[in-house]
C-alpha cells in the first residue's frame, strides 16, 4: 500500500505541475496580433457610425411627425376657415334675398294700398 500511496501522491503532484504549467502558459504575456488595433478601431468607428445614424433616424422621424401634425392641423384649420367663408357667403345671399323680398312686398303693399284708395274714392 505504501507504493500505492506514493504513486497516488506523485500522480497528484504531476497533475498539479501540469496545471501550473498550463496556468503559466495562459498568463504569459504575448504581443497582440498586428491587426488587432485596426480591428478594434474599425469596430469602434462602426459602432459610433451606427449610433449617429440611429440618432439621426430618430430625429428625422420626430421632425416628420411634427411636420405631419402641422399639416393635419393646418388642413383642419383651413377647412374650418373655408366652411366659415362659405357660411358667411350663404348668409349674405340670404340677406340679399330677404331685402329683395322685402322690397317686393313693400311695392306690392303700396300698389294694394293705392288700389284700395282708388276703389274707395
PDB file of N, CA and C in Angstrom:
ATOM      1  N   UNK A   1       0.806  -1.194   0.000  1.00  0.00           N
ATOM      2  CA  UNK A   1       0.000   0.000   0.000  1.00  0.00           C
ATOM      3  C   UNK A   1       0.842   1.248   0.000  1.00  0.00           C
ATOM      4  N   UNK A   2       1.978   1.088   0.556  1.00  0.00           N
ATOM      5  CA  UNK A   2       2.881   2.221   0.608  1.00  0.00           C
ATOM      6  C   UNK A   2       3.248   2.685  -0.781  1.00  0.00           C
ATOM      7  N   UNK A   3       3.467   1.745  -1.661  1.00  0.00           N
ATOM      8  CA  UNK A   3       3.787   2.097  -3.039  1.00  0.00           C
ATOM      9  C   UNK A   3       2.599   2.769  -3.696  1.00  0.00           C
ATOM     10  N   UNK A   4       1.446   2.297  -3.382  1.00  0.00           N
ATOM     11  CA  UNK A   4       0.231   2.870  -3.954  1.00  0.00           C
ATOM     12  C   UNK A   4       0.058   4.310  -3.511  1.00  0.00           C
ATOM     13  N   UNK A   5       0.334   4.569  -2.248  1.00  0.00           N
ATOM     14  CA  UNK A   5       0.221   5.928  -1.732  1.00  0.00           C
ATOM     15  C   UNK A   5       1.232   6.835  -2.422  1.00  0.00           C
ATOM     16  N   UNK A   6       2.434   6.336  -2.614  1.00  0.00           N
ATOM     17  CA  UNK A   6       3.450   7.134  -3.299  1.00  0.00           C
ATOM     18  C   UNK A   6       3.032   7.409  -4.736  1.00  0.00           C
ATOM     19  N   UNK A   7       2.466   6.387  -5.370  1.00  0.00           N
ATOM     20  CA  UNK A   7       2.033   6.539  -6.764  1.00  0.00           C
ATOM     21  C   UNK A   7       0.910   7.574  -6.868  1.00  0.00           C
ATOM     22  N   UNK A   8      -0.040   7.504  -5.980  1.00  0.00           N
ATOM     23  CA  UNK A   8      -1.151   8.457  -5.972  1.00  0.00           C
ATOM     24  C   UNK A   8      -0.647   9.871  -5.722  1.00  0.00           C
ATOM     25  N   UNK A   9       0.301   9.998  -4.792  1.00  0.00           N
ATOM     26  CA  UNK A   9       0.831  11.317  -4.484  1.00  0.00           C
ATOM     27  C   UNK A   9       1.634  11.867  -5.649  1.00  0.00           C
ATOM     28  N   UNK A  10       2.418  11.040  -6.286  1.00  0.00           N
ATOM     29  CA  UNK A  10       3.211  11.524  -7.410  1.00  0.00           C
ATOM     30  C   UNK A  10       2.308  11.872  -8.582  1.00  0.00           C
ATOM     31  N   UNK A  11       1.211  11.145  -8.808  1.00  0.00           N
ATOM     32  CA  UNK A  11       0.251  11.483  -9.851  1.00  0.00           C
ATOM     33  C   UNK A  11      -0.394  12.834  -9.571  1.00  0.00           C
ATOM     34  N   UNK A  12      -0.725  13.019  -8.321  1.00  0.00           N
ATOM     35  CA  UNK A  12      -1.348  14.288  -7.949  1.00  0.00           C
ATOM     36  C   UNK A  12      -0.377  15.439  -8.152  1.00  0.00           C
ATOM     37  N   UNK A  13       0.886  15.233  -7.779  1.00  0.00           N
ATOM     38  CA  UNK A  13       1.886  16.277  -7.975  1.00  0.00           C
ATOM     39  C   UNK A  13       2.114  16.541  -9.461  1.00  0.00           C
ATOM     40  N   UNK A  14       2.132  15.482 -10.251  1.00  0.00           N
ATOM     41  CA  UNK A  14       2.303  15.642 -11.702  1.00  0.00           C
ATOM     42  C   UNK A  14       1.130  16.435 -12.289  1.00  0.00           C
ATOM     43  N   UNK A  15      -0.078  16.104 -11.836  1.00  0.00           N
ATOM     44  CA  UNK A  15      -1.259  16.835 -12.320  1.00  0.00           C
ATOM     45  C   UNK A  15      -1.184  18.302 -11.917  1.00  0.00           C
ATOM     46  N   UNK A  16      -0.751  18.558 -10.687  1.00  0.00           N
ATOM     47  CA  UNK A  16      -0.627  19.937 -10.220  1.00  0.00           C
ATOM     48  C   UNK A  16       0.450  20.672 -11.003  1.00  0.00           C
ATOM     49  N   UNK A  17       1.562  19.988 -11.254  1.00  0.00           N
ATOM     50  CA  UNK A  17       2.629  20.615 -12.034  1.00  0.00           C
ATOM     51  C   UNK A  17       2.141  20.942 -13.444  1.00  0.00           C
ATOM     52  N   UNK A  18       1.412  19.997 -14.005  1.00  0.00           N
ATOM     53  CA  UNK A  18       0.886  20.226 -15.356  1.00  0.00           C
ATOM     54  C   UNK A  18      -0.104  21.397 -15.352  1.00  0.00           C
ATOM     55  N   UNK A  19      -0.941  21.436 -14.323  1.00  0.00           N
ATOM     56  CA  UNK A  19      -1.917  22.521 -14.206  1.00  0.00           C
ATOM     57  C   UNK A  19      -1.215  23.867 -14.032  1.00  0.00           C
ATOM     58  N   UNK A  20      -0.173  23.901 -13.194  1.00  0.00           N
ATOM     59  CA  UNK A  20       0.585  25.136 -13.013  1.00  0.00           C
ATOM     60  C   UNK A  20       1.260  25.555 -14.310  1.00  0.00           C
ATOM     61  N   UNK A  21       1.750  24.595 -15.042  1.00  0.00           N
ATOM     62  CA  UNK A  21       2.361  24.891 -16.342  1.00  0.00           C
ATOM     63  C   UNK A  21       1.351  25.488 -17.306  1.00  0.00           C
ATOM     64  N   UNK A  22       0.152  24.938 -17.306  1.00  0.00           N
ATOM     65  CA  UNK A  22      -0.903  25.483 -18.168  1.00  0.00           C
ATOM     66  C   UNK A  22      -1.254  26.910 -17.740  1.00  0.00           C
ATOM     67  N   UNK A  23      -1.320  27.114 -16.438  1.00  0.00           N
ATOM     68  CA  UNK A  23      -1.616  28.462 -15.952  1.00  0.00           C
ATOM     69  C   UNK A  23      -0.530  29.443 -16.365  1.00  0.00           C
ATOM     70  N   UNK A  24       0.718  29.050 -16.220  1.00  0.00           N
ATOM     71  CA  UNK A  24       1.824  29.932 -16.607  1.00  0.00           C
ATOM     72  C   UNK A  24       1.755  30.271 -18.095  1.00  0.00           C
ATOM     73  N   UNK A  25       1.515  29.249 -18.890  1.00  0.00           N
ATOM     74  CA  UNK A  25       1.416  29.493 -20.343  1.00  0.00           C
ATOM     75  C   UNK A  25       0.232  30.410 -20.660  1.00  0.00           C
ATOM     76  N   UNK A  26      -0.866  30.221 -19.937  1.00  0.00           N
ATOM     77  CA  UNK A  26      -2.047  31.049 -20.191  1.00  0.00           C
ATOM     78  C   UNK A  26      -1.800  32.505 -19.812  1.00  0.00           C
ATOM     79  N   UNK A  27      -1.012  32.712 -18.746  1.00  0.00           N
ATOM     80  CA  UNK A  27      -0.776  34.083 -18.280  1.00  0.00           C
ATOM     81  C   UNK A  27       0.480  34.713 -18.860  1.00  0.00           C
ATOM     82  N   UNK A  28       1.185  33.997 -19.714  1.00  0.00           N
ATOM     83  CA  UNK A  28       2.369  34.586 -20.338  1.00  0.00           C
ATOM     84  C   UNK A  28       1.965  35.768 -21.201  1.00  0.00           C
ATOM     85  N   UNK A  29       2.773  36.789 -21.150  1.00  0.00           N
ATOM     86  CA  UNK A  29       2.487  37.989 -21.957  1.00  0.00           C
ATOM     87  C   UNK A  29       2.913  37.715 -23.390  1.00  0.00           C
ATOM     88  N   UNK A  30       1.954  37.844 -24.293  1.00  0.00           N
ATOM     89  CA  UNK A  30       2.227  37.660 -25.713  1.00  0.00           C
ATOM     90  C   UNK A  30       1.855  38.948 -26.428  1.00  0.00           C
ATOM     91  N   UNK A  31       2.592  39.278 -27.439  1.00  0.00           N
ATOM     92  CA  UNK A  31       2.250  40.504 -28.177  1.00  0.00           C
ATOM     93  C   UNK A  31       0.918  40.333 -28.915  1.00  0.00           C
ATOM     94  N   UNK A  32       0.187  41.442 -29.026  1.00  0.00           N
ATOM     95  CA  UNK A  32      -1.103  41.417 -29.719  1.00  0.00           C
ATOM     96  C   UNK A  32      -0.867  41.234 -31.215  1.00  0.00           C
ATOM     97  N   UNK A  33      -1.812  40.616 -31.882  1.00  0.00           N
ATOM     98  CA  UNK A  33      -1.673  40.487 -33.336  1.00  0.00           C
ATOM     99  C   UNK A  33      -1.608  41.879 -33.964  1.00  0.00           C
ATOM    100  N   UNK A  34      -0.877  42.032 -35.057  1.00  0.00           N
ATOM    101  CA  UNK A  34      -0.701  43.358 -35.654  1.00  0.00           C
ATOM    102  C   UNK A  34      -2.021  44.003 -36.098  1.00  0.00           C
ATOM    103  N   UNK A  35      -2.986  43.214 -36.449  1.00  0.00           N
ATOM    104  CA  UNK A  35      -4.242  43.793 -36.955  1.00  0.00           C
ATOM    105  C   UNK A  35      -5.262  44.059 -35.849  1.00  0.00           C
ATOM    106  N   UNK A  36      -4.933  43.725 -34.605  1.00  0.00           N
ATOM    107  CA  UNK A  36      -5.904  43.872 -33.518  1.00  0.00           C
ATOM    108  C   UNK A  36      -6.322  45.325 -33.324  1.00  0.00           C
ATOM    109  N   UNK A  37      -5.368  46.239 -33.277  1.00  0.00           N
ATOM    110  CA  UNK A  37      -5.698  47.650 -33.047  1.00  0.00           C
ATOM    111  C   UNK A  37      -6.593  48.172 -34.172  1.00  0.00           C
ATOM    112  N   UNK A  38      -6.258  47.819 -35.400  1.00  0.00           N
ATOM    113  CA  UNK A  38      -7.065  48.274 -36.543  1.00  0.00           C
ATOM    114  C   UNK A  38      -8.493  47.735 -36.442  1.00  0.00           C
ATOM    115  N   UNK A  39      -8.623  46.450 -36.094  1.00  0.00           N
ATOM    116  CA  UNK A  39      -9.958  45.854 -35.982  1.00  0.00           C
ATOM    117  C   UNK A  39     -10.763  46.496 -34.860  1.00  0.00           C
ATOM    118  N   UNK A  40     -10.098  46.747 -33.725  1.00  0.00           N
ATOM    119  CA  UNK A  40     -10.778  47.386 -32.589  1.00  0.00           C
ATOM    120  C   UNK A  40     -11.232  48.788 -32.982  1.00  0.00           C
ATOM    121  N   UNK A  41     -10.372  49.542 -33.647  1.00  0.00           N
ATOM    122  CA  UNK A  41     -10.726  50.911 -34.045  1.00  0.00           C
ATOM    123  C   UNK A  41     -11.844  50.902 -35.093  1.00  0.00           C
ATOM    124  N   UNK A  42     -11.789  49.940 -36.023  1.00  0.00           N
ATOM    125  CA  UNK A  42     -12.861  49.850 -37.024  1.00  0.00           C
ATOM    126  C   UNK A  42     -14.193  49.515 -36.372  1.00  0.00           C
ATOM    127  N   UNK A  43     -14.162  48.592 -35.429  1.00  0.00           N
ATOM    128  CA  UNK A  43     -15.399  48.213 -34.736  1.00  0.00           C
ATOM    129  C   UNK A  43     -15.939  49.402 -33.942  1.00  0.00           C
ATOM    130  N   UNK A  44     -15.036  50.123 -33.283  1.00  0.00           N
ATOM    131  CA  UNK A  44     -15.441  51.306 -32.520  1.00  0.00           C
ATOM    132  C   UNK A  44     -16.060  52.358 -33.444  1.00  0.00           C
ATOM    133  N   UNK A  45     -15.416  52.574 -34.592  1.00  0.00           N
ATOM    134  CA  UNK A  45     -15.927  53.554 -35.551  1.00  0.00           C
ATOM    135  C   UNK A  45     -17.278  53.112 -36.114  1.00  0.00           C
ATOM    136  N   UNK A  46     -17.419  51.822 -36.394  1.00  0.00           N
ATOM    137  CA  UNK A  46     -18.701  51.350 -36.934  1.00  0.00           C
ATOM    138  C   UNK A  46     -19.811  51.491 -35.899  1.00  0.00           C
ATOM    139  N   UNK A  47     -19.486  51.272 -34.623  1.00  0.00           N
ATOM    140  CA  UNK A  47     -20.496  51.468 -33.573  1.00  0.00           C
ATOM    141  C   UNK A  47     -20.884  52.940 -33.463  1.00  0.00           C
ATOM    142  N   UNK A  48     -19.875  53.819 -33.529  1.00  0.00           N
ATOM    143  CA  UNK A  48     -20.176  55.258 -33.477  1.00  0.00           C
ATOM    144  C   UNK A  48     -21.032  55.667 -34.669  1.00  0.00           C
ATOM    145  N   UNK A  49     -20.683  55.175 -35.844  1.00  0.00           N
ATOM    146  CA  UNK A  49     -21.455  55.497 -37.046  1.00  0.00           C
ATOM    147  C   UNK A  49     -22.886  54.995 -36.900  1.00  0.00           C
ATOM    148  N   UNK A  50     -23.024  53.779 -36.380  1.00  0.00           N
ATOM    149  CA  UNK A  50     -24.361  53.220 -36.168  1.00  0.00           C
ATOM    150  C   UNK A  50     -25.163  54.087 -35.206  1.00  0.00           C
ATOM    151  N   UNK A  51     -24.544  54.507 -34.105  1.00  0.00           N
ATOM    152  CA  UNK A  51     -25.236  55.346 -33.122  1.00  0.00           C
ATOM    153  C   UNK A  51     -25.636  56.691 -33.729  1.00  0.00           C
ATOM    154  N   UNK A  52     -24.732  57.288 -34.494  1.00  0.00           N
ATOM    155  CA  UNK A  52     -25.038  58.576 -35.123  1.00  0.00           C
ATOM    156  C   UNK A  52     -26.197  58.410 -36.088  1.00  0.00           C
ATOM    157  N   UNK A  53     -26.162  57.362 -36.887  1.00  0.00           N
ATOM    158  CA  UNK A  53     -27.258  57.110 -37.834  1.00  0.00           C
ATOM    159  C   UNK A  53     -28.564  56.855 -37.104  1.00  0.00           C
ATOM    160  N   UNK A  54     -28.490  56.083 -36.028  1.00  0.00           N
ATOM    161  CA  UNK A  54     -29.705  55.773 -35.262  1.00  0.00           C
ATOM    162  C   UNK A  54     -30.310  57.051 -34.686  1.00  0.00           C
ATOM    163  N   UNK A  55     -29.454  57.907 -34.139  1.00  0.00           N
ATOM    164  CA  UNK A  55     -29.962  59.177 -33.602  1.00  0.00           C
ATOM    165  C   UNK A  55     -30.526  60.051 -34.713  1.00  0.00           C
ATOM    166  N   UNK A  56     -29.863  60.069 -35.849  1.00  0.00           N
ATOM    167  CA  UNK A  56     -30.351  60.869 -36.977  1.00  0.00           C
ATOM    168  C   UNK A  56     -31.713  60.368 -37.427  1.00  0.00           C
ATOM    169  N   UNK A  57     -31.884  59.061 -37.471  1.00  0.00           N
ATOM    170  CA  UNK A  57     -33.176  58.494 -37.877  1.00  0.00           C
ATOM    171  C   UNK A  57     -34.252  58.871 -36.860  1.00  0.00           C
ATOM    172  N   UNK A  58     -33.920  58.819 -35.590  1.00  0.00           N
ATOM    173  CA  UNK A  58     -34.893  59.196 -34.557  1.00  0.00           C
ATOM    174  C   UNK A  58     -35.302  60.652 -34.733  1.00  0.00           C
ATOM    175  N   UNK A  59     -34.310  61.541 -34.943  1.00  0.00           N
ATOM    176  CA  UNK A  59     -34.630  62.965 -35.125  1.00  0.00           C
ATOM    177  C   UNK A  59     -35.423  63.188 -36.409  1.00  0.00           C
ATOM    178  N   UNK A  60     -35.103  62.457 -37.465  1.00  0.00           N
ATOM    179  CA  UNK A  60     -35.853  62.595 -38.714  1.00  0.00           C
ATOM    180  C   UNK A  60     -37.297  62.155 -38.523  1.00  0.00           C
ATOM    181  N   UNK A  61     -37.491  61.054 -37.822  1.00  0.00           N
ATOM    182  CA  UNK A  61     -38.858  60.587 -37.564  1.00  0.00           C
ATOM    183  C   UNK A  61     -39.621  61.596 -36.709  1.00  0.00           C
ATOM    184  N   UNK A  62     -38.933  62.152 -35.714  1.00  0.00           N
ATOM    185  CA  UNK A  62     -39.578  63.145 -34.861  1.00  0.00           C
ATOM    186  C   UNK A  62     -39.956  64.383 -35.676  1.00  0.00           C
ATOM    187  N   UNK A  63     -39.047  64.853 -36.522  1.00  0.00           N
ATOM    188  CA  UNK A  63     -39.331  66.014 -37.368  1.00  0.00           C
ATOM    189  C   UNK A  63     -40.464  65.715 -38.335  1.00  0.00           C
ATOM    190  N   UNK A  64     -40.463  64.521 -38.918  1.00  0.00           N
ATOM    191  CA  UNK A  64     -41.541  64.140 -39.837  1.00  0.00           C
ATOM    192  C   UNK A  64     -42.875  64.090 -39.107  1.00  0.00           C
ATOM    193  N   UNK A  65     -42.867  63.637 -37.866  1.00  0.00           N
ATOM    194  CA  UNK A  65     -44.100  63.607 -37.073  1.00  0.00           C
ATOM    195  C   UNK A  65     -44.620  65.016 -36.826  1.00  0.00           C
ATOM    196  N   UNK A  66     -43.705  65.941 -36.498  1.00  0.00           N
ATOM    197  CA  UNK A  66     -44.119  67.327 -36.284  1.00  0.00           C
ATOM    198  C   UNK A  66     -44.668  67.946 -37.563  1.00  0.00           C
ATOM    199  N   UNK A  67     -44.013  67.685 -38.680  1.00  0.00           N
ATOM    200  CA  UNK A  67     -44.482  68.224 -39.963  1.00  0.00           C
ATOM    201  C   UNK A  67     -45.861  67.661 -40.289  1.00  0.00           C
ATOM    202  N   UNK A  68     -46.027  66.362 -40.094  1.00  0.00           N
ATOM    203  CA  UNK A  68     -47.320  65.737 -40.370  1.00  0.00           C
ATOM    204  C   UNK A  68     -48.407  66.309 -39.466  1.00  0.00           C
ATOM    205  N   UNK A  69     -48.091  66.494 -38.192  1.00  0.00           N
ATOM    206  CA  UNK A  69     -49.068  67.074 -37.264  1.00  0.00           C
ATOM    207  C   UNK A  69     -49.415  68.504 -37.675  1.00  0.00           C
ATOM    208  N   UNK A  70     -48.412  69.274 -38.101  1.00  0.00           N
ATOM    209  CA  UNK A  70     -48.665  70.655 -38.537  1.00  0.00           C
ATOM    210  C   UNK A  70     -49.523  70.671 -39.798  1.00  0.00           C
ATOM    211  N   UNK A  71     -49.249  69.771 -40.724  1.00  0.00           N
ATOM    212  CA  UNK A  71     -50.058  69.702 -41.947  1.00  0.00           C
ATOM    213  C   UNK A  71     -51.507  69.329 -41.638  1.00  0.00           C
ATOM    214  N   UNK A  72     -51.677  68.350 -40.762  1.00  0.00           N
ATOM    215  CA  UNK A  72     -53.044  67.963 -40.394  1.00  0.00           C
ATOM    216  C   UNK A  72     -53.760  69.109 -39.685  1.00  0.00           C
ATOM    217  N   UNK A  73     -53.051  69.750 -38.759  1.00  0.00           N
ATOM    218  CA  UNK A  73     -53.656  70.891 -38.057  1.00  0.00           C
ATOM    219  C   UNK A  73     -53.977  72.022 -39.010  1.00  0.00           C
ATOM    220  N   UNK A  74     -53.066  72.308 -39.946  1.00  0.00           N
ATOM    221  CA  UNK A  74     -53.312  73.353 -40.940  1.00  0.00           C
ATOM    222  C   UNK A  74     -54.473  73.007 -41.847  1.00  0.00           C
ATOM    223  N   UNK A  75     -54.560  71.736 -42.226  1.00  0.00           N
ATOM    224  CA  UNK A  75     -55.678  71.300 -43.070  1.00  0.00           C
ATOM    225  C   UNK A  75     -57.012  71.449 -42.360  1.00  0.00           C
ATOM    226  N   UNK A  76     -57.027  71.085 -41.096  1.00  0.00           N
ATOM    227  CA  UNK A  76     -58.267  71.224 -40.324  1.00  0.00           C
ATOM    228  C   UNK A  76     -58.628  72.696 -40.164  1.00  0.00           C
ATOM    229  N   UNK A  77     -57.639  73.528 -39.857  1.00  0.00           N
ATOM    230  CA  UNK A  77     -57.894  74.968 -39.712  1.00  0.00           C
ATOM    231  C   UNK A  77     -58.355  75.569 -41.038  1.00  0.00           C
ATOM    232  N   UNK A  78     -57.715  75.167 -42.149  1.00  0.00           N
ATOM    233  CA  UNK A  78     -58.116  75.687 -43.457  1.00  0.00           C
ATOM    234  C   UNK A  78     -59.557  75.278 -43.769  1.00  0.00           C
ATOM    235  N   UNK A  79     -59.899  74.031 -43.459  1.00  0.00           N
ATOM    236  CA  UNK A  79     -61.270  73.551 -43.704  1.00  0.00           C
ATOM    237  C   UNK A  79     -62.268  74.367 -42.878  1.00  0.00           C
ATOM    238  N   UNK A  80     -61.904  74.633 -41.625  1.00  0.00           N
ATOM    239  CA  UNK A  80     -62.787  75.421 -40.756  1.00  0.00           C
ATOM    240  C   UNK A  80     -62.973  76.834 -41.322  1.00  0.00           C
ATOM    241  N   UNK A  81     -61.878  77.453 -41.747  1.00  0.00           N
ATOM    242  CA  UNK A  81     -61.951  78.802 -42.314  1.00  0.00           C
ATOM    243  C   UNK A  81     -62.768  78.779 -43.600  1.00  0.00           C
ATOM    244  N   UNK A  82     -62.573  77.749 -44.418  1.00  0.00           N
ATOM    245  CA  UNK A  82     -63.325  77.636 -45.678  1.00  0.00           C
ATOM    246  C   UNK A  82     -64.818  77.473 -45.397  1.00  0.00           C
ATOM    247  N   UNK A  83     -65.160  76.665 -44.409  1.00  0.00           N
ATOM    248  CA  UNK A  83     -66.571  76.500 -44.049  1.00  0.00           C
ATOM    249  C   UNK A  83     -67.143  77.812 -43.520  1.00  0.00           C
ATOM    250  N   UNK A  84     -66.367  78.542 -42.731  1.00  0.00           N
ATOM    251  CA  UNK A  84     -66.838  79.843 -42.253  1.00  0.00           C
ATOM    252  C   UNK A  84     -67.065  80.792 -43.421  1.00  0.00           C
ATOM    253  N   UNK A  85     -66.150  80.797 -44.391  1.00  0.00           N
ATOM    254  CA  UNK A  85     -66.291  81.664 -45.552  1.00  0.00           C
ATOM    255  C   UNK A  85     -67.546  81.305 -46.338  1.00  0.00           C
ATOM    256  N   UNK A  86     -67.770  80.013 -46.536  1.00  0.00           N
ATOM    257  CA  UNK A  86     -68.969  79.577 -47.256  1.00  0.00           C
ATOM    258  C   UNK A  86     -70.230  79.935 -46.476  1.00  0.00           C
ATOM    259  N   UNK A  87     -70.170  79.793 -45.162  1.00  0.00           N
ATOM    260  CA  UNK A  87     -71.320  80.160 -44.329  1.00  0.00           C
ATOM    261  C   UNK A  87     -71.607  81.652 -44.406  1.00  0.00           C
ATOM    262  N   UNK A  88     -70.541  82.446 -44.387  1.00  0.00           N
ATOM    263  CA  UNK A  88     -70.704  83.900 -44.498  1.00  0.00           C
ATOM    264  C   UNK A  88     -71.295  84.265 -45.857  1.00  0.00           C
ATOM    265  N   UNK A  89     -70.834  83.616 -46.910  1.00  0.00           N
ATOM    266  CA  UNK A  89     -71.362  83.863 -48.253  1.00  0.00           C
ATOM    267  C   UNK A  89     -72.837  83.484 -48.330  1.00  0.00           C
ATOM    268  N   UNK A  90     -73.190  82.330 -47.732  1.00  0.00           N
ATOM    269  CA  UNK A  90     -74.600  81.910 -47.720  1.00  0.00           C
ATOM    270  C   UNK A  90     -75.441  82.904 -46.926  1.00  0.00           C
ATOM    271  N   UNK A  91     -74.930  83.410 -45.820  1.00  0.00           N
ATOM    272  CA  UNK A  91     -75.666  84.398 -45.026  1.00  0.00           C
ATOM    273  C   UNK A  91     -75.897  85.674 -45.832  1.00  0.00           C
ATOM    274  N   UNK A  92     -74.863  86.118 -46.571  1.00  0.00           N
ATOM    275  CA  UNK A  92     -75.024  87.311 -47.409  1.00  0.00           C
ATOM    276  C   UNK A  92     -76.094  87.091 -48.473  1.00  0.00           C
ATOM    277  N   UNK A  93     -76.099  85.898 -49.079  1.00  0.00           N
ATOM    278  CA  UNK A  93     -77.100  85.601 -50.107  1.00  0.00           C
ATOM    279  C   UNK A  93     -78.506  85.597 -49.515  1.00  0.00           C
ATOM    280  N   UNK A  94     -78.654  85.029 -48.328  1.00  0.00           N
ATOM    281  CA  UNK A  94     -79.966  85.017 -47.668  1.00  0.00           C
ATOM    282  C   UNK A  94     -80.396  86.434 -47.346  1.00  0.00           C
ATOM    283  N   UNK A  95     -79.466  87.255 -46.849  1.00  0.00           N
ATOM    284  CA  UNK A  95     -79.809  88.647 -46.526  1.00  0.00           C
ATOM    285  C   UNK A  95     -80.203  89.407 -47.791  1.00  0.00           C
ATOM    286  N   UNK A  96     -79.515  89.173 -48.892  1.00  0.00           N
ATOM    287  CA  UNK A  96     -79.870  89.821 -50.165  1.00  0.00           C
ATOM    288  C   UNK A  96     -81.258  89.380 -50.603  1.00  0.00           C
ATOM    289  N   UNK A  97     -81.520  88.082 -50.501  1.00  0.00           N
ATOM    290  CA  UNK A  97     -82.846  87.565 -50.890  1.00  0.00           C
ATOM    291  C   UNK A  97     -83.927  88.171 -50.005  1.00  0.00           C
ATOM    292  N   UNK A  98     -83.679  88.304 -48.714  1.00  0.00           N
ATOM    293  CA  UNK A  98     -84.667  88.906 -47.814  1.00  0.00           C
ATOM    294  C   UNK A  98     -84.900  90.377 -48.143  1.00  0.00           C
ATOM    295  N   UNK A  99     -83.834  91.127 -48.496  1.00  0.00           N
ATOM    296  CA  UNK A  99     -84.007  92.535 -48.881  1.00  0.00           C
ATOM    297  C   UNK A  99     -84.841  92.645 -50.162  1.00  0.00           C
ATOM    298  N   UNK A 100     -84.527  91.762 -51.136  1.00  0.00           N
ATOM    299  CA  UNK A 100     -85.298  91.788 -52.390  1.00  0.00           C
ATOM    300  C   UNK A 100     -86.756  91.458 -52.111  1.00  0.00           C
ATOM    301  N   UNK A 101     -86.982  90.430 -51.300  1.00  0.00           N
ATOM    302  CA  UNK A 101     -88.356  90.041 -50.965  1.00  0.00           C
ATOM    303  C   UNK A 101     -89.064  91.153 -50.211  1.00  0.00           C
ATOM    304  N   UNK A 102     -88.337  91.783 -49.280  1.00  0.00           N
ATOM    305  CA  UNK A 102     -88.930  92.872 -48.512  1.00  0.00           C
ATOM    306  C   UNK A 102     -89.303  94.035 -49.423  1.00  0.00           C
ATOM    307  N   UNK A 103     -88.426  94.377 -50.364  1.00  0.00           N
ATOM    308  CA  UNK A 103     -88.709  95.458 -51.301  1.00  0.00           C
ATOM    309  C   UNK A 103     -89.908  95.103 -52.183  1.00  0.00           C
ATOM    310  N   UNK A 104     -89.936  93.840 -52.649  1.00  0.00           N
ATOM    311  CA  UNK A 104     -91.066  93.415 -53.498  1.00  0.00           C
ATOM    312  C   UNK A 104     -92.365  93.468 -52.702  1.00  0.00           C
ATOM    313  N   UNK A 105     -92.335  93.038 -51.460  1.00  0.00           N
ATOM    314  CA  UNK A 105     -93.549  93.085 -50.629  1.00  0.00           C
ATOM    315  C   UNK A 105     -93.971  94.533 -50.355  1.00  0.00           C
ATOM    316  N   UNK A 106     -92.975  95.409 -50.120  1.00  0.00           N
ATOM    317  CA  UNK A 106     -93.305  96.825 -49.905  1.00  0.00           C
ATOM    318  C   UNK A 106     -93.973  97.411 -51.145  1.00  0.00           C
ATOM    319  N   UNK A 107     -93.431  97.075 -52.321  1.00  0.00           N
ATOM    320  CA  UNK A 107     -94.028  97.577 -53.567  1.00  0.00           C
ATOM    321  C   UNK A 107     -95.436  97.029 -53.747  1.00  0.00           C
ATOM    322  N   UNK A 108     -95.608  95.738 -53.449  1.00  0.00           N
ATOM    323  CA  UNK A 108     -96.940  95.131 -53.579  1.00  0.00           C
ATOM    324  C   UNK A 108     -97.922  95.769 -52.601  1.00  0.00           C
ATOM    325  N   UNK A 109     -97.472  96.002 -51.383  1.00  0.00           N
ATOM    326  CA  UNK A 109     -98.333  96.641 -50.393  1.00  0.00           C
ATOM    327  C   UNK A 109     -98.697  98.069 -50.826  1.00  0.00           C
ATOM    328  N   UNK A 110     -97.732  98.759 -51.404  1.00  0.00           N
ATOM    329  CA  UNK A 110     -98.016 100.121 -51.880  1.00  0.00           C
ATOM    330  C   UNK A 110     -99.046 100.077 -52.996  1.00  0.00           C
ATOM    331  N   UNK A 111     -98.938  99.147 -53.919  1.00  0.00           N
ATOM    332  CA  UNK A 111     -99.917  99.015 -55.013  1.00  0.00           C
ATOM    333  C   UNK A 111    -101.295  98.664 -54.463  1.00  0.00           C
ATOM    334  N   UNK A 112    -101.302  97.716 -53.533  1.00  0.00           N
ATOM    335  CA  UNK A 112    -102.601  97.335 -52.958  1.00  0.00           C
ATOM    336  C   UNK A 112    -103.233  98.514 -52.208  1.00  0.00           C
ATOM    337  N   UNK A 113    -102.418  99.249 -51.514  1.00  0.00           N
ATOM    338  CA  UNK A 113    -102.940 100.415 -50.793  1.00  0.00           C
ATOM    339  C   UNK A 113    -103.460 101.440 -51.760  1.00  0.00           C
ATOM    340  N   UNK A 114    -102.734 101.645 -52.868  1.00  0.00           N
ATOM    341  CA  UNK A 114    -103.188 102.605 -53.890  1.00  0.00           C
ATOM    342  C   UNK A 114    -104.488 102.114 -54.510  1.00  0.00           C
ATOM    343  N   UNK A 115    -104.590 100.869 -54.763  1.00  0.00           N
ATOM    344  CA  UNK A 115    -105.821 100.306 -55.364  1.00  0.00           C
ATOM    345  C   UNK A 115    -106.993 100.437 -54.410  1.00  0.00           C
ATOM    346  N   UNK A 116    -106.735 100.126 -53.122  1.00  0.00           N
ATOM    347  CA  UNK A 116    -107.794 100.270 -52.134  1.00  0.00           C
ATOM    348  C   UNK A 116    -108.250 101.718 -52.042  1.00  0.00           C
ATOM    349  N   UNK A 117    -107.326 102.677 -52.130  1.00  0.00           N
ATOM    350  CA  UNK A 117    -107.695 104.085 -52.089  1.00  0.00           C
ATOM    351  C   UNK A 117    -108.504 104.444 -53.326  1.00  0.00           C
ATOM    352  N   UNK A 118    -108.086 103.920 -54.460  1.00  0.00           N
ATOM    353  CA  UNK A 118    -108.790 104.225 -55.706  1.00  0.00           C
ATOM    354  C   UNK A 118    -110.189 103.619 -55.668  1.00  0.00           C
ATOM    355  N   UNK A 119    -110.303 102.455 -55.089  1.00  0.00           N
ATOM    356  CA  UNK A 119    -111.630 101.810 -55.003  1.00  0.00           C
ATOM    357  C   UNK A 119    -112.522 102.550 -54.017  1.00  0.00           C
ATOM    358  N   UNK A 120    -111.998 103.154 -53.025  1.00  0.00           N
ATOM    359  CA  UNK A 120    -112.801 103.852 -52.014  1.00  0.00           C
ATOM    360  C   UNK A 120    -113.140 105.249 -52.460  1.00  0.00           C
ATOM    361  N   UNK A 121    -112.560 105.738 -53.391  1.00  0.00           N
ATOM    362  CA  UNK A 121    -112.819 107.112 -53.830  1.00  0.00           C
ATOM    363  C   UNK A 121    -113.903 107.156 -54.792  1.00  0.00           C
TER     364      UNK A 121
END
